[in-house]
């Protein structure tokens, strides 16, 4: 394995990953601006990604209005 430059990417759910720096991030992901070796990128992710839950699970504002856990309606 080589120490090719990698970059840290993040998606709309604020989940992090690493990607090859010479390629465009995959659909749904964007570069964070951090570039380094694979290990440097993983270390950076460990520092910044402190809550592993997707954004939609952390922020009630992003949950669906039809979420049965919060709707309060019952079938009769």
PDB file of N, CA and C in Angstrom:
ATOM      1  N   UNK A   1       0.851  -1.175   0.000  1.00  0.00           N
ATOM      2  CA  UNK A   1       0.000   0.000   0.000  1.00  0.00           C
ATOM      3  C   UNK A   1       0.897   1.239   0.000  1.00  0.00           C
ATOM      4  N   UNK A   2       0.523   2.229  -0.779  1.00  0.00           N
ATOM      5  CA  UNK A   2       1.319   3.449  -0.841  1.00  0.00           C
ATOM      6  C   UNK A   2       0.695   4.538   0.012  1.00  0.00           C
ATOM      7  N   UNK A   3       1.463   5.591   0.215  1.00  0.00           N
ATOM      8  CA  UNK A   3       0.954   6.739   0.958  1.00  0.00           C
ATOM      9  C   UNK A   3       0.459   7.806  -0.007  1.00  0.00           C
ATOM     10  N   UNK A   4      -0.343   7.408  -0.985  1.00  0.00           N
ATOM     11  CA  UNK A   4      -0.920   8.362  -1.930  1.00  0.00           C
ATOM     12  C   UNK A   4      -1.766   9.363  -1.175  1.00  0.00           C
ATOM     13  N   UNK A   5      -1.765  10.626  -1.623  1.00  0.00           N
ATOM     14  CA  UNK A   5      -2.592  11.628  -0.943  1.00  0.00           C
ATOM     15  C   UNK A   5      -4.073  11.247  -0.987  1.00  0.00           C
ATOM     16  N   UNK A   6      -4.720  11.409   0.141  1.00  0.00           N
ATOM     17  CA  UNK A   6      -6.153  11.146   0.263  1.00  0.00           C
ATOM     18  C   UNK A   6      -6.810  12.437   0.724  1.00  0.00           C
ATOM     19  N   UNK A   7      -8.130  12.481   0.638  1.00  0.00           N
ATOM     20  CA  UNK A   7      -8.839  13.627   1.183  1.00  0.00           C
ATOM     21  C   UNK A   7     -10.015  13.148   2.001  1.00  0.00           C
ATOM     22  N   UNK A   8     -10.449  13.977   2.914  1.00  0.00           N
ATOM     23  CA  UNK A   8     -11.599  13.670   3.760  1.00  0.00           C
ATOM     24  C   UNK A   8     -12.836  14.217   3.061  1.00  0.00           C
ATOM     25  N   UNK A   9     -13.860  13.374   2.966  1.00  0.00           N
ATOM     26  CA  UNK A   9     -15.123  13.777   2.359  1.00  0.00           C
ATOM     27  C   UNK A   9     -16.240  13.607   3.383  1.00  0.00           C
ATOM     28  N   UNK A  10     -17.332  14.336   3.168  1.00  0.00           N
ATOM     29  CA  UNK A  10     -18.479  14.288   4.073  1.00  0.00           C
ATOM     30  C   UNK A  10     -19.741  14.324   3.224  1.00  0.00           C
ATOM     31  N   UNK A  11     -20.810  13.682   3.712  1.00  0.00           N
ATOM     32  CA  UNK A  11     -22.078  13.713   2.982  1.00  0.00           C
ATOM     33  C   UNK A  11     -23.088  14.593   3.717  1.00  0.00           C
ATOM     34  N   UNK A  12     -24.307  14.679   3.190  1.00  0.00           N
ATOM     35  CA  UNK A  12     -25.335  15.537   3.783  1.00  0.00           C
ATOM     36  C   UNK A  12     -25.777  15.071   5.164  1.00  0.00           C
ATOM     37  N   UNK A  13     -25.503  13.824   5.501  1.00  0.00           N
ATOM     38  CA  UNK A  13     -25.829  13.300   6.830  1.00  0.00           C
ATOM     39  C   UNK A  13     -24.667  13.505   7.804  1.00  0.00           C
ATOM     40  N   UNK A  14     -23.650  14.246   7.356  1.00  0.00           N
ATOM     41  CA  UNK A  14     -22.448  14.530   8.146  1.00  0.00           C
ATOM     42  C   UNK A  14     -21.703  13.263   8.557  1.00  0.00           C
ATOM     43  N   UNK A  15     -21.662  12.301   7.630  1.00  0.00           N
ATOM     44  CA  UNK A  15     -20.876  11.091   7.804  1.00  0.00           C
ATOM     45  C   UNK A  15     -19.579  11.285   7.020  1.00  0.00           C
ATOM     46  N   UNK A  16     -18.467  10.875   7.573  1.00  0.00           N
ATOM     47  CA  UNK A  16     -17.157  11.125   6.985  1.00  0.00           C
ATOM     48  C   UNK A  16     -16.570   9.866   6.369  1.00  0.00           C
ATOM     49  N   UNK A  17     -15.699  10.077   5.385  1.00  0.00           N
ATOM     50  CA  UNK A  17     -14.968   8.992   4.757  1.00  0.00           C
ATOM     51  C   UNK A  17     -13.699   9.572   4.139  1.00  0.00           C
ATOM     52  N   UNK A  18     -12.867   8.696   3.581  1.00  0.00           N
ATOM     53  CA  UNK A  18     -11.690   9.167   2.852  1.00  0.00           C
ATOM     54  C   UNK A  18     -11.852   8.796   1.384  1.00  0.00           C
ATOM     55  N   UNK A  19     -11.177   9.558   0.522  1.00  0.00           N
ATOM     56  CA  UNK A  19     -11.280   9.371  -0.925  1.00  0.00           C
ATOM     57  C   UNK A  19      -9.948   9.746  -1.549  1.00  0.00           C
ATOM     58  N   UNK A  20      -9.670   9.227  -2.721  1.00  0.00           N
ATOM     59  CA  UNK A  20      -8.436   9.532  -3.431  1.00  0.00           C
ATOM     60  C   UNK A  20      -8.424  11.004  -3.833  1.00  0.00           C
ATOM     61  N   UNK A  21      -7.316  11.677  -3.584  1.00  0.00           N
ATOM     62  CA  UNK A  21      -7.255  13.116  -3.850  1.00  0.00           C
ATOM     63  C   UNK A  21      -7.224  13.447  -5.336  1.00  0.00           C
ATOM     64  N   UNK A  22      -6.888  12.473  -6.179  1.00  0.00           N
ATOM     65  CA  UNK A  22      -6.842  12.744  -7.619  1.00  0.00           C
ATOM     66  C   UNK A  22      -8.164  12.413  -8.318  1.00  0.00           C
ATOM     67  N   UNK A  23      -9.210  12.145  -7.553  1.00  0.00           N
ATOM     68  CA  UNK A  23     -10.532  11.834  -8.121  1.00  0.00           C
ATOM     69  C   UNK A  23     -11.581  12.757  -7.530  1.00  0.00           C
ATOM     70  N   UNK A  24     -12.630  12.987  -8.295  1.00  0.00           N
ATOM     71  CA  UNK A  24     -13.767  13.748  -7.783  1.00  0.00           C
ATOM     72  C   UNK A  24     -14.476  12.907  -6.722  1.00  0.00           C
ATOM     73  N   UNK A  25     -14.966  13.525  -5.662  1.00  0.00           N
ATOM     74  CA  UNK A  25     -15.734  12.755  -4.670  1.00  0.00           C
ATOM     75  C   UNK A  25     -16.959  12.119  -5.328  1.00  0.00           C
ATOM     76  N   UNK A  26     -17.402  10.984  -4.822  1.00  0.00           N
ATOM     77  CA  UNK A  26     -18.585  10.333  -5.392  1.00  0.00           C
ATOM     78  C   UNK A  26     -19.833  11.195  -5.184  1.00  0.00           C
ATOM     79  N   UNK A  27     -20.864  10.891  -5.939  1.00  0.00           N
ATOM     80  CA  UNK A  27     -22.131  11.625  -5.835  1.00  0.00           C
ATOM     81  C   UNK A  27     -22.618  11.611  -4.391  1.00  0.00           C
ATOM     82  N   UNK A  28     -23.048  12.771  -3.914  1.00  0.00           N
ATOM     83  CA  UNK A  28     -23.555  12.875  -2.556  1.00  0.00           C
ATOM     84  C   UNK A  28     -22.496  13.188  -1.512  1.00  0.00           C
ATOM     85  N   UNK A  29     -21.252  13.279  -1.927  1.00  0.00           N
ATOM     86  CA  UNK A  29     -20.146  13.563  -1.013  1.00  0.00           C
ATOM     87  C   UNK A  29     -19.423  14.816  -1.479  1.00  0.00           C
ATOM     88  N   UNK A  30     -18.812  15.551  -0.545  1.00  0.00           N
ATOM     89  CA  UNK A  30     -18.035  16.742  -0.890  1.00  0.00           C
ATOM     90  C   UNK A  30     -16.753  16.747  -0.050  1.00  0.00           C
ATOM     91  N   UNK A  31     -15.723  17.356  -0.612  1.00  0.00           N
ATOM     92  CA  UNK A  31     -14.444  17.456   0.091  1.00  0.00           C
ATOM     93  C   UNK A  31     -14.567  18.432   1.253  1.00  0.00           C
ATOM     94  N   UNK A  32     -13.907  18.114   2.355  1.00  0.00           N
ATOM     95  CA  UNK A  32     -13.920  18.989   3.530  1.00  0.00           C
ATOM     96  C   UNK A  32     -12.780  19.995   3.503  1.00  0.00           C
ATOM     97  N   UNK A  33     -11.789  19.742   2.660  1.00  0.00           N
ATOM     98  CA  UNK A  33     -10.616  20.609   2.610  1.00  0.00           C
ATOM     99  C   UNK A  33      -9.400  19.996   3.279  1.00  0.00           C
ATOM    100  N   UNK A  34      -9.570  18.857   3.954  1.00  0.00           N
ATOM    101  CA  UNK A  34      -8.440  18.197   4.611  1.00  0.00           C
ATOM    102  C   UNK A  34      -7.855  17.158   3.672  1.00  0.00           C
ATOM    103  N   UNK A  35      -6.548  17.222   3.436  1.00  0.00           N
ATOM    104  CA  UNK A  35      -5.831  16.274   2.591  1.00  0.00           C
ATOM    105  C   UNK A  35      -4.610  15.783   3.350  1.00  0.00           C
ATOM    106  N   UNK A  36      -4.276  14.513   3.165  1.00  0.00           N
ATOM    107  CA  UNK A  36      -3.090  13.958   3.814  1.00  0.00           C
ATOM    108  C   UNK A  36      -2.927  12.498   3.445  1.00  0.00           C
ATOM    109  N   UNK A  37      -2.086  11.803   4.188  1.00  0.00           N
ATOM    110  CA  UNK A  37      -1.958  10.364   3.989  1.00  0.00           C
ATOM    111  C   UNK A  37      -3.247   9.698   4.477  1.00  0.00           C
ATOM    112  N   UNK A  38      -3.382   8.431   4.165  1.00  0.00           N
ATOM    113  CA  UNK A  38      -4.569   7.698   4.621  1.00  0.00           C
ATOM    114  C   UNK A  38      -4.704   7.802   6.137  1.00  0.00           C
ATOM    115  N   UNK A  39      -3.607   7.556   6.847  1.00  0.00           N
ATOM    116  CA  UNK A  39      -3.658   7.583   8.310  1.00  0.00           C
ATOM    117  C   UNK A  39      -3.941   8.982   8.844  1.00  0.00           C
ATOM    118  N   UNK A  40      -3.353  10.009   8.232  1.00  0.00           N
ATOM    119  CA  UNK A  40      -3.635  11.381   8.670  1.00  0.00           C
ATOM    120  C   UNK A  40      -5.113  11.716   8.501  1.00  0.00           C
ATOM    121  N   UNK A  41      -5.693  11.270   7.383  1.00  0.00           N
ATOM    122  CA  UNK A  41      -7.120  11.516   7.143  1.00  0.00           C
ATOM    123  C   UNK A  41      -7.979  10.773   8.162  1.00  0.00           C
ATOM    124  N   UNK A  42      -7.629   9.521   8.451  1.00  0.00           N
ATOM    125  CA  UNK A  42      -8.381   8.759   9.451  1.00  0.00           C
ATOM    126  C   UNK A  42      -8.259   9.390  10.832  1.00  0.00           C
ATOM    127  N   UNK A  43      -7.080   9.873  11.165  1.00  0.00           N
ATOM    128  CA  UNK A  43      -6.890  10.555  12.453  1.00  0.00           C
ATOM    129  C   UNK A  43      -7.725  11.832  12.518  1.00  0.00           C
ATOM    130  N   UNK A  44      -7.769  12.565  11.410  1.00  0.00           N
ATOM    131  CA  UNK A  44      -8.571  13.791  11.362  1.00  0.00           C
ATOM    132  C   UNK A  44     -10.053  13.464  11.555  1.00  0.00           C
ATOM    133  N   UNK A  45     -10.532  12.425  10.872  1.00  0.00           N
ATOM    134  CA  UNK A  45     -11.938  12.022  11.005  1.00  0.00           C
ATOM    135  C   UNK A  45     -12.241  11.645  12.452  1.00  0.00           C
ATOM    136  N   UNK A  46     -11.336  10.931  13.087  1.00  0.00           N
ATOM    137  CA  UNK A  46     -11.545  10.542  14.490  1.00  0.00           C
ATOM    138  C   UNK A  46     -11.692  11.770  15.390  1.00  0.00           C
ATOM    139  N   UNK A  47     -11.018  12.845  15.035  1.00  0.00           N
ATOM    140  CA  UNK A  47     -11.082  14.083  15.817  1.00  0.00           C
ATOM    141  C   UNK A  47     -12.376  14.850  15.576  1.00  0.00           C
ATOM    142  N   UNK A  48     -12.808  14.942  14.311  1.00  0.00           N
ATOM    143  CA  UNK A  48     -13.952  15.806  13.989  1.00  0.00           C
ATOM    144  C   UNK A  48     -15.303  15.091  14.022  1.00  0.00           C
ATOM    145  N   UNK A  49     -15.322  13.764  13.819  1.00  0.00           N
ATOM    146  CA  UNK A  49     -16.596  13.033  13.772  1.00  0.00           C
ATOM    147  C   UNK A  49     -16.866  12.463  15.157  1.00  0.00           C
ATOM    148  N   UNK A  50     -17.431  13.286  16.014  1.00  0.00           N
ATOM    149  CA  UNK A  50     -17.615  12.897  17.410  1.00  0.00           C
ATOM    150  C   UNK A  50     -18.958  12.229  17.683  1.00  0.00           C
ATOM    151  N   UNK A  51     -19.919  12.389  16.788  1.00  0.00           N
ATOM    152  CA  UNK A  51     -21.234  11.760  16.951  1.00  0.00           C
ATOM    153  C   UNK A  51     -21.509  10.946  15.695  1.00  0.00           C
ATOM    154  N   UNK A  52     -21.466   9.631  15.827  1.00  0.00           N
ATOM    155  CA  UNK A  52     -21.567   8.745  14.673  1.00  0.00           C
ATOM    156  C   UNK A  52     -22.970   8.657  14.079  1.00  0.00           C
ATOM    157  N   UNK A  53     -23.957   9.170  14.791  1.00  0.00           N
ATOM    158  CA  UNK A  53     -25.318   9.099  14.259  1.00  0.00           C
ATOM    159  C   UNK A  53     -25.462  10.009  13.041  1.00  0.00           C
ATOM    160  N   UNK A  54     -26.241   9.572  12.024  1.00  0.00           N
ATOM    161  CA  UNK A  54     -26.515  10.460  10.896  1.00  0.00           C
ATOM    162  C   UNK A  54     -27.217  11.726  11.385  1.00  0.00           C
ATOM    163  N   UNK A  55     -27.065  12.809  10.650  1.00  0.00           N
ATOM    164  CA  UNK A  55     -27.665  14.080  11.039  1.00  0.00           C
ATOM    165  C   UNK A  55     -29.162  13.942  11.279  1.00  0.00           C
ATOM    166  N   UNK A  56     -29.850  13.182  10.430  1.00  0.00           N
ATOM    167  CA  UNK A  56     -31.301  13.036  10.572  1.00  0.00           C
ATOM    168  C   UNK A  56     -31.690  12.338  11.871  1.00  0.00           C
ATOM    169  N   UNK A  57     -30.798  11.560  12.441  1.00  0.00           N
ATOM    170  CA  UNK A  57     -31.083  10.904  13.721  1.00  0.00           C
ATOM    171  C   UNK A  57     -30.746  11.810  14.906  1.00  0.00           C
ATOM    172  N   UNK A  58     -29.921  12.824  14.672  1.00  0.00           N
ATOM    173  CA  UNK A  58     -29.520  13.745  15.740  1.00  0.00           C
ATOM    174  C   UNK A  58     -30.408  14.972  15.814  1.00  0.00           C
ATOM    175  N   UNK A  59     -30.941  15.414  14.683  1.00  0.00           N
ATOM    176  CA  UNK A  59     -31.661  16.680  14.609  1.00  0.00           C
ATOM    177  C   UNK A  59     -33.134  16.441  14.317  1.00  0.00           C
ATOM    178  N   UNK A  60     -34.015  16.647  15.294  1.00  0.00           N
ATOM    179  CA  UNK A  60     -35.445  16.409  15.089  1.00  0.00           C
ATOM    180  C   UNK A  60     -36.031  17.265  13.967  1.00  0.00           C
ATOM    181  N   UNK A  61     -35.421  18.399  13.661  1.00  0.00           N
ATOM    182  CA  UNK A  61     -35.917  19.272  12.591  1.00  0.00           C
ATOM    183  C   UNK A  61     -35.820  18.600  11.228  1.00  0.00           C
ATOM    184  N   UNK A  62     -34.906  17.642  11.060  1.00  0.00           N
ATOM    185  CA  UNK A  62     -34.716  17.004   9.767  1.00  0.00           C
ATOM    186  C   UNK A  62     -35.525  15.722   9.619  1.00  0.00           C
ATOM    187  N   UNK A  63     -36.185  15.296  10.675  1.00  0.00           N
ATOM    188  CA  UNK A  63     -36.980  14.065  10.606  1.00  0.00           C
ATOM    189  C   UNK A  63     -38.261  14.295   9.831  1.00  0.00           C
ATOM    190  N   UNK A  64     -38.757  13.248   9.257  1.00  0.00           N
ATOM    191  CA  UNK A  64     -39.998  13.307   8.489  1.00  0.00           C
ATOM    192  C   UNK A  64     -41.168  13.677   9.388  1.00  0.00           C
ATOM    193  N   UNK A  65     -42.074  14.470   8.861  1.00  0.00           N
ATOM    194  CA  UNK A  65     -43.281  14.853   9.600  1.00  0.00           C
ATOM    195  C   UNK A  65     -44.111  13.621   9.917  1.00  0.00           C
ATOM    196  N   UNK A  66     -44.003  12.591   9.117  1.00  0.00           N
ATOM    197  CA  UNK A  66     -44.798  11.379   9.309  1.00  0.00           C
ATOM    198  C   UNK A  66     -44.130  10.372  10.231  1.00  0.00           C
ATOM    199  N   UNK A  67     -43.110  10.762  10.921  1.00  0.00           N
ATOM    200  CA  UNK A  67     -42.420   9.868  11.847  1.00  0.00           C
ATOM    201  C   UNK A  67     -43.392   9.437  12.939  1.00  0.00           C
ATOM    202  N   UNK A  68     -43.778   8.142  12.987  1.00  0.00           N
ATOM    203  CA  UNK A  68     -44.768   7.687  13.960  1.00  0.00           C
ATOM    204  C   UNK A  68     -44.335   7.902  15.408  1.00  0.00           C
ATOM    205  N   UNK A  69     -43.060   7.971  15.659  1.00  0.00           N
ATOM    206  CA  UNK A  69     -42.590   8.164  17.031  1.00  0.00           C
ATOM    207  C   UNK A  69     -42.889   9.568  17.538  1.00  0.00           C
ATOM    208  N   UNK A  70     -43.099  10.514  16.628  1.00  0.00           N
ATOM    209  CA  UNK A  70     -43.327  11.893  17.052  1.00  0.00           C
ATOM    210  C   UNK A  70     -44.674  12.443  16.629  1.00  0.00           C
ATOM    211  N   UNK A  71     -45.452  11.672  15.870  1.00  0.00           N
ATOM    212  CA  UNK A  71     -46.700  12.216  15.327  1.00  0.00           C
ATOM    213  C   UNK A  71     -47.820  12.299  16.355  1.00  0.00           C
ATOM    214  N   UNK A  72     -47.850  11.386  17.308  1.00  0.00           N
ATOM    215  CA  UNK A  72     -48.881  11.414  18.338  1.00  0.00           C
ATOM    216  C   UNK A  72     -50.237  10.906  17.876  1.00  0.00           C
ATOM    217  N   UNK A  73     -50.372  10.516  16.629  1.00  0.00           N
ATOM    218  CA  UNK A  73     -51.664  10.006  16.160  1.00  0.00           C
ATOM    219  C   UNK A  73     -51.700   8.496  16.296  1.00  0.00           C
ATOM    220  N   UNK A  74     -52.918   7.962  16.469  1.00  0.00           N
ATOM    221  CA  UNK A  74     -53.085   6.518  16.618  1.00  0.00           C
ATOM    222  C   UNK A  74     -54.158   6.029  15.670  1.00  0.00           C
ATOM    223  N   UNK A  75     -53.993   4.799  15.234  1.00  0.00           N
ATOM    224  CA  UNK A  75     -55.045   4.155  14.439  1.00  0.00           C
ATOM    225  C   UNK A  75     -56.137   3.697  15.380  1.00  0.00           C
ATOM    226  N   UNK A  76     -57.383   3.889  14.989  1.00  0.00           N
ATOM    227  CA  UNK A  76     -58.495   3.464  15.845  1.00  0.00           C
ATOM    228  C   UNK A  76     -59.314   2.421  15.160  1.00  0.00           C
TER     229      UNK A  76
END
